[in-house]
Amino acid sequence: MQIISRDIGSIGESFSKYLVESIFFGNANSVTLYAEYKGALDFKFDYESNIDGNKTLRDIRVQVKTGESFANFITTTNKYTISNVKNEHKEKWVLSKQPVLLIWVDPDNQNKMYWKIFLKNTPIKNTKIPISHYLSPATFF
């Protein structure tokens, strides 16, 4: 019998790409990032946004982390504390002109995914994700 080795990081990334595409109704195209972001981001989504009747091209950068080694649930706050994400990467995210979406995939909990957006003023220390930040197609609304 052959045992198939699985990379849960790649599986989590694939699931999250599919889910983000669903949230943006298929208007997003994933592109793997290279060069300056290598190791700090997994992919980005380019999508059209219709604001006041004007179509605008936007993008979101995405970093996916999969597995229990990246999060610890704190019952008193109903939040996940994110760990094992380099502060130097988070510093790049807050300095970026585009928002960066951190997605944590919990494979032990029916592959639920939780998100945190990194913008210019987002603190990089003690990163926490509330359980209400559950990623689903309803997130769009």
Protein backbone atom coordinates (compact mmCIF):
# COMPACT_ATOMS: atom_id res chain seq x y z
CA MET A 1 0.00 0.00 0.00
CA GLN A 2 1.31 3.43 -0.95
CA ILE A 3 0.86 6.24 1.57
CA ILE A 4 0.22 9.60 -0.05
CA SER A 5 1.93 12.52 1.63
CA ARG A 6 -0.20 15.67 1.82
CA ASP A 7 0.97 19.22 2.15
CA ILE A 8 -1.76 20.81 4.27
CA GLY A 9 -0.40 24.26 3.43
CA SER A 10 -1.06 23.73 -0.28
CA ILE A 11 -4.48 22.26 0.45
CA GLY A 12 -5.40 25.25 2.65
CA GLU A 13 -4.18 27.66 -0.03
CA SER A 14 -6.28 25.89 -2.70
CA PHE A 15 -9.39 25.94 -0.49
CA SER A 16 -8.94 29.60 0.34
CA LYS A 17 -8.42 30.55 -3.34
CA TYR A 18 -11.68 28.81 -4.20
CA LEU A 19 -13.53 30.50 -1.35
CA VAL A 20 -12.22 33.99 -2.15
CA GLU A 21 -13.20 33.48 -5.79
CA SER A 22 -16.69 32.52 -4.59
CA ILE A 23 -16.94 35.62 -2.41
CA PHE A 24 -16.07 37.85 -5.36
CA PHE A 25 -18.48 35.94 -7.62
CA GLY A 26 -15.72 34.65 -9.88
CA ASN A 27 -14.48 38.15 -10.73
CA ALA A 28 -11.15 37.48 -9.12
CA ASN A 29 -8.09 35.99 -10.80
CA SER A 30 -5.41 34.51 -8.62
CA VAL A 31 -1.79 35.18 -9.51
CA THR A 32 1.10 33.63 -7.61
CA LEU A 33 3.46 36.34 -6.38
CA TYR A 34 7.20 36.27 -6.91
CA ALA A 35 10.13 38.68 -6.43
CA GLU A 36 9.81 41.09 -3.49
CA TYR A 37 6.84 39.32 -1.90
CA LYS A 38 8.22 35.79 -2.15
CA GLY A 39 7.72 34.14 1.20
CA ALA A 40 5.52 36.93 2.52
CA LEU A 41 2.39 36.41 0.39
CA ASP A 42 0.79 33.47 -1.37
CA PHE A 43 -1.30 35.14 -4.07
CA LYS A 44 -3.34 38.18 -5.04
CA PHE A 45 -6.76 38.71 -6.47
CA ASP A 46 -7.53 41.26 -9.15
CA TYR A 47 -11.23 42.05 -9.31
CA GLU A 48 -13.60 44.68 -10.62
CA SER A 49 -15.43 46.86 -8.15
CA ASN A 50 -18.45 48.89 -9.20
CA ILE A 51 -18.49 52.10 -7.17
CA ASP A 52 -21.06 54.75 -8.13
CA GLY A 53 -21.45 53.14 -11.55
CA ASN A 54 -17.71 53.26 -12.27
CA LYS A 55 -15.85 49.99 -12.70
CA THR A 56 -12.52 50.04 -10.93
CA LEU A 57 -9.83 47.37 -10.93
CA ARG A 58 -8.73 46.50 -7.40
CA ASP A 59 -6.53 43.86 -5.85
CA ILE A 60 -6.08 42.18 -2.52
CA ARG A 61 -2.89 40.38 -1.49
CA VAL A 62 -3.39 37.13 0.42
CA GLN A 63 -1.32 35.08 2.86
CA VAL A 64 -2.70 31.69 3.89
CA LYS A 65 -1.65 29.77 6.98
CA THR A 66 -2.99 26.28 7.58
CA GLY A 67 -2.95 24.19 10.73
CA GLU A 68 -3.10 24.41 14.48
CA SER A 69 0.52 25.57 14.78
CA PHE A 70 -0.55 29.01 13.52
CA ALA A 71 -3.40 29.74 15.94
CA ASN A 72 -4.49 29.27 19.51
CA PHE A 73 -8.10 29.81 20.58
CA ILE A 74 -8.60 32.01 23.64
CA THR A 75 -11.99 31.15 25.16
CA THR A 76 -12.19 34.28 27.34
CA THR A 77 -12.04 36.59 24.29
CA ASN A 78 -13.51 34.31 21.58
CA LYS A 79 -10.49 35.10 19.43
CA TYR A 80 -7.68 33.18 17.81
CA THR A 81 -4.18 34.41 18.58
CA ILE A 82 -2.05 34.00 15.47
CA SER A 83 1.51 32.77 15.87
CA ASN A 84 4.42 31.65 13.70
CA VAL A 85 3.96 34.51 11.23
CA LYS A 86 7.10 36.61 10.92
CA ASN A 87 6.79 40.20 12.10
CA GLU A 88 8.93 41.28 9.13
CA HIS A 89 6.22 39.91 6.82
CA LYS A 90 3.48 41.72 8.75
CA GLU A 91 5.56 44.91 8.54
CA LYS A 92 5.63 44.54 4.72
CA TRP A 93 1.87 44.04 4.71
CA VAL A 94 1.08 47.24 6.62
CA LEU A 95 3.47 49.21 4.40
CA SER A 96 1.86 47.87 1.23
CA LYS A 97 -0.37 50.12 -0.87
CA GLN A 98 -2.84 47.25 -1.23
CA PRO A 99 -4.68 45.58 1.63
CA VAL A 100 -3.34 42.20 2.70
CA LEU A 101 -5.72 39.47 3.81
CA LEU A 102 -4.37 36.90 6.26
CA ILE A 103 -6.41 33.71 6.09
CA TRP A 104 -6.00 31.02 8.72
CA VAL A 105 -7.37 27.58 7.76
CA ASP A 106 -8.37 25.28 10.61
CA PRO A 107 -8.23 21.76 9.14
CA ASP A 108 -9.39 20.25 12.43
CA ASN A 109 -12.64 22.21 12.33
CA GLN A 110 -14.18 21.27 8.94
CA ASN A 111 -11.57 23.43 7.17
CA LYS A 112 -13.09 26.63 8.53
CA MET A 113 -11.25 29.74 7.48
CA TYR A 114 -10.82 32.94 9.43
CA TRP A 115 -9.53 36.28 8.16
CA LYS A 116 -7.79 39.45 9.24
CA ILE A 117 -7.17 42.41 6.99
CA PHE A 118 -3.87 44.29 7.26
CA LEU A 119 -3.99 47.99 6.45
CA LYS A 120 -1.63 50.86 7.24
CA ASN A 121 -2.66 51.17 10.90
CA THR A 122 -3.02 47.47 11.73
CA PRO A 123 -0.90 46.49 14.76
CA ILE A 124 1.57 43.75 13.87
CA LYS A 125 2.16 42.40 17.38
CA ASN A 126 -0.31 40.07 19.07
CA THR A 127 -2.36 39.39 15.94
CA LYS A 128 -5.85 38.22 16.87
CA ILE A 129 -8.77 37.05 14.75
CA PRO A 130 -12.29 37.08 16.26
CA ILE A 131 -14.34 33.95 15.61
CA SER A 132 -16.87 36.25 13.91
CA HIS A 133 -14.31 36.72 11.10
CA TYR A 134 -15.31 33.41 9.56
CA LEU A 135 -14.74 33.38 5.81
CA SER A 136 -17.73 32.27 3.74
CA PRO A 137 -19.53 33.40 0.58
CA ALA A 138 -21.79 35.48 2.87
CA THR A 139 -18.71 37.54 3.83
CA PHE A 140 -19.30 39.60 0.67
CA PHE A 141 -22.55 40.95 2.12
